[in-house]
Amino acid sequence: MPTPAEVNLAHKPLDALDPDTRAVLRSAHKACIAQRHLPIWCVTFNPSDLPGLYVARLNVSANSGATYVASLCVAGTTLDAVRQALPAGLVRMPRHTDDAPQIVETWL
């Protein structure tokens, strides 16, 4: 099974409306859990590398306490499209007042 960072080696965002995207995201999510890591999906709007888009990036909290951002992300023109591409069963955490302005929400 691939590690989260190996799923999207090209570092290109996946299209939220592409039917294969959900399978890739589920695979990365399951790979994190299999390694006893916590997958965290951070949704942003208008990041500098993908302006004008909603983007969900996979952040991984390792069992060692280290956290890293995997190369995997999903992008779409609407928040709803990005939400629907995320793995099922996640819990939404609203934006915290201390978050960077581009952060919309986080999913655990």
Protein backbone atom coordinates (compact mmCIF):
# COMPACT_ATOMS: atom_id res chain seq x y z
CA MET A 1 0.00 0.00 0.00
CA PRO A 2 1.42 3.44 -0.87
CA THR A 3 2.33 5.96 1.77
CA PRO A 4 0.34 9.21 1.66
CA ALA A 5 3.26 11.07 0.08
CA GLU A 6 3.56 8.47 -2.70
CA VAL A 7 -0.02 8.64 -3.90
CA ASN A 8 0.41 11.79 -5.99
CA LEU A 9 4.09 11.88 -6.92
CA ALA A 10 3.56 14.47 -9.65
CA HIS A 11 2.48 17.01 -7.01
CA LYS A 12 -0.45 17.95 -9.20
CA PRO A 13 -3.84 18.59 -7.67
CA LEU A 14 -6.56 16.07 -8.38
CA ASP A 15 -9.81 17.37 -9.82
CA ALA A 16 -12.62 17.11 -7.27
CA LEU A 17 -15.07 16.14 -10.03
CA ASP A 18 -12.93 13.33 -11.47
CA PRO A 19 -14.52 9.98 -10.47
CA ASP A 20 -11.09 8.43 -9.76
CA THR A 21 -10.22 11.16 -7.25
CA ARG A 22 -12.31 9.67 -4.42
CA ALA A 23 -10.56 6.32 -4.78
CA VAL A 24 -7.12 7.95 -4.61
CA LEU A 25 -8.08 9.99 -1.55
CA ARG A 26 -9.55 6.93 0.19
CA SER A 27 -6.36 4.99 -0.54
CA ALA A 28 -4.17 7.73 0.95
CA HIS A 29 -6.46 8.07 3.97
CA LYS A 30 -6.38 4.31 4.61
CA ALA A 31 -2.59 4.26 4.19
CA CYS A 32 -2.27 6.85 6.97
CA ILE A 33 -4.47 4.85 9.29
CA ALA A 34 -2.66 1.60 8.48
CA GLN A 35 0.58 3.29 9.57
CA ARG A 36 -1.13 4.43 12.79
CA HIS A 37 -1.06 8.07 11.67
CA LEU A 38 -3.89 10.57 11.85
CA PRO A 39 -5.01 11.91 8.45
CA ILE A 40 -6.17 15.52 8.62
CA TRP A 41 -7.73 17.23 5.59
CA CYS A 42 -7.29 21.01 5.63
CA VAL A 43 -9.55 22.88 3.21
CA THR A 44 -8.43 26.30 1.99
CA PHE A 45 -9.68 28.82 -0.53
CA ASN A 46 -7.45 30.78 -2.88
CA PRO A 47 -4.03 29.42 -1.82
CA SER A 48 -1.05 31.02 -3.57
CA ASP A 49 -0.27 27.89 -5.61
CA LEU A 50 -3.89 27.36 -6.78
CA PRO A 51 -5.55 30.79 -6.82
CA GLY A 52 -9.32 30.96 -7.07
CA LEU A 53 -9.85 27.32 -6.09
CA TYR A 54 -10.93 25.41 -3.02
CA VAL A 55 -8.17 22.97 -2.07
CA ALA A 56 -8.10 20.12 0.44
CA ARG A 57 -4.59 18.99 1.40
CA LEU A 58 -3.76 15.85 3.30
CA ASN A 59 -1.84 16.60 6.48
CA VAL A 60 -0.48 13.65 8.41
CA SER A 61 0.07 13.57 12.14
CA ALA A 62 2.55 10.77 12.73
CA ASN A 63 2.54 8.64 15.86
CA SER A 64 5.91 10.23 16.71
CA GLY A 65 4.16 13.59 17.08
CA ALA A 66 5.56 15.02 13.85
CA THR A 67 3.11 16.48 11.35
CA TYR A 68 3.73 16.83 7.64
CA VAL A 69 1.79 17.84 4.56
CA ALA A 70 1.61 15.05 1.99
CA SER A 71 1.92 15.89 -1.69
CA LEU A 72 -1.69 14.92 -2.18
CA CYS A 73 -4.36 17.56 -2.62
CA VAL A 74 -7.72 17.85 -4.32
CA ALA A 75 -8.93 21.08 -5.94
CA GLY A 76 -12.28 22.29 -7.19
CA THR A 77 -14.15 25.44 -8.10
CA THR A 78 -16.71 24.92 -5.33
CA LEU A 79 -16.44 24.02 -1.68
CA ASP A 80 -19.15 21.40 -2.10
CA ALA A 81 -17.21 19.61 -4.87
CA VAL A 82 -14.11 19.38 -2.67
CA ARG A 83 -16.14 18.19 0.32
CA GLN A 84 -17.77 15.45 -1.76
CA ALA A 85 -14.35 14.23 -2.93
CA LEU A 86 -13.10 13.67 0.65
CA PRO A 87 -13.33 10.19 2.17
CA ALA A 88 -16.68 9.37 3.79
CA GLY A 89 -17.10 9.34 7.56
CA LEU A 90 -14.96 12.38 8.40
CA VAL A 91 -15.90 14.95 11.02
CA ARG A 92 -15.83 18.64 10.08
CA MET A 93 -14.02 21.09 12.32
CA PRO A 94 -14.94 24.71 11.60
CA ARG A 95 -12.33 27.36 10.99
CA HIS A 96 -10.70 28.62 14.19
CA THR A 97 -10.31 32.37 14.66
CA ASP A 98 -6.53 31.95 14.91
CA ASP A 99 -6.30 30.09 11.57
CA ALA A 100 -4.72 31.68 8.51
CA PRO A 101 -7.32 33.59 6.48
CA GLN A 102 -7.32 31.09 3.58
CA ILE A 103 -8.29 28.16 5.83
CA VAL A 104 -11.98 27.30 5.47
CA GLU A 105 -12.30 24.15 7.59
CA THR A 106 -10.56 20.95 8.66
CA TRP A 107 -11.79 17.34 8.44
CA LEU A 108 -10.70 14.51 10.76
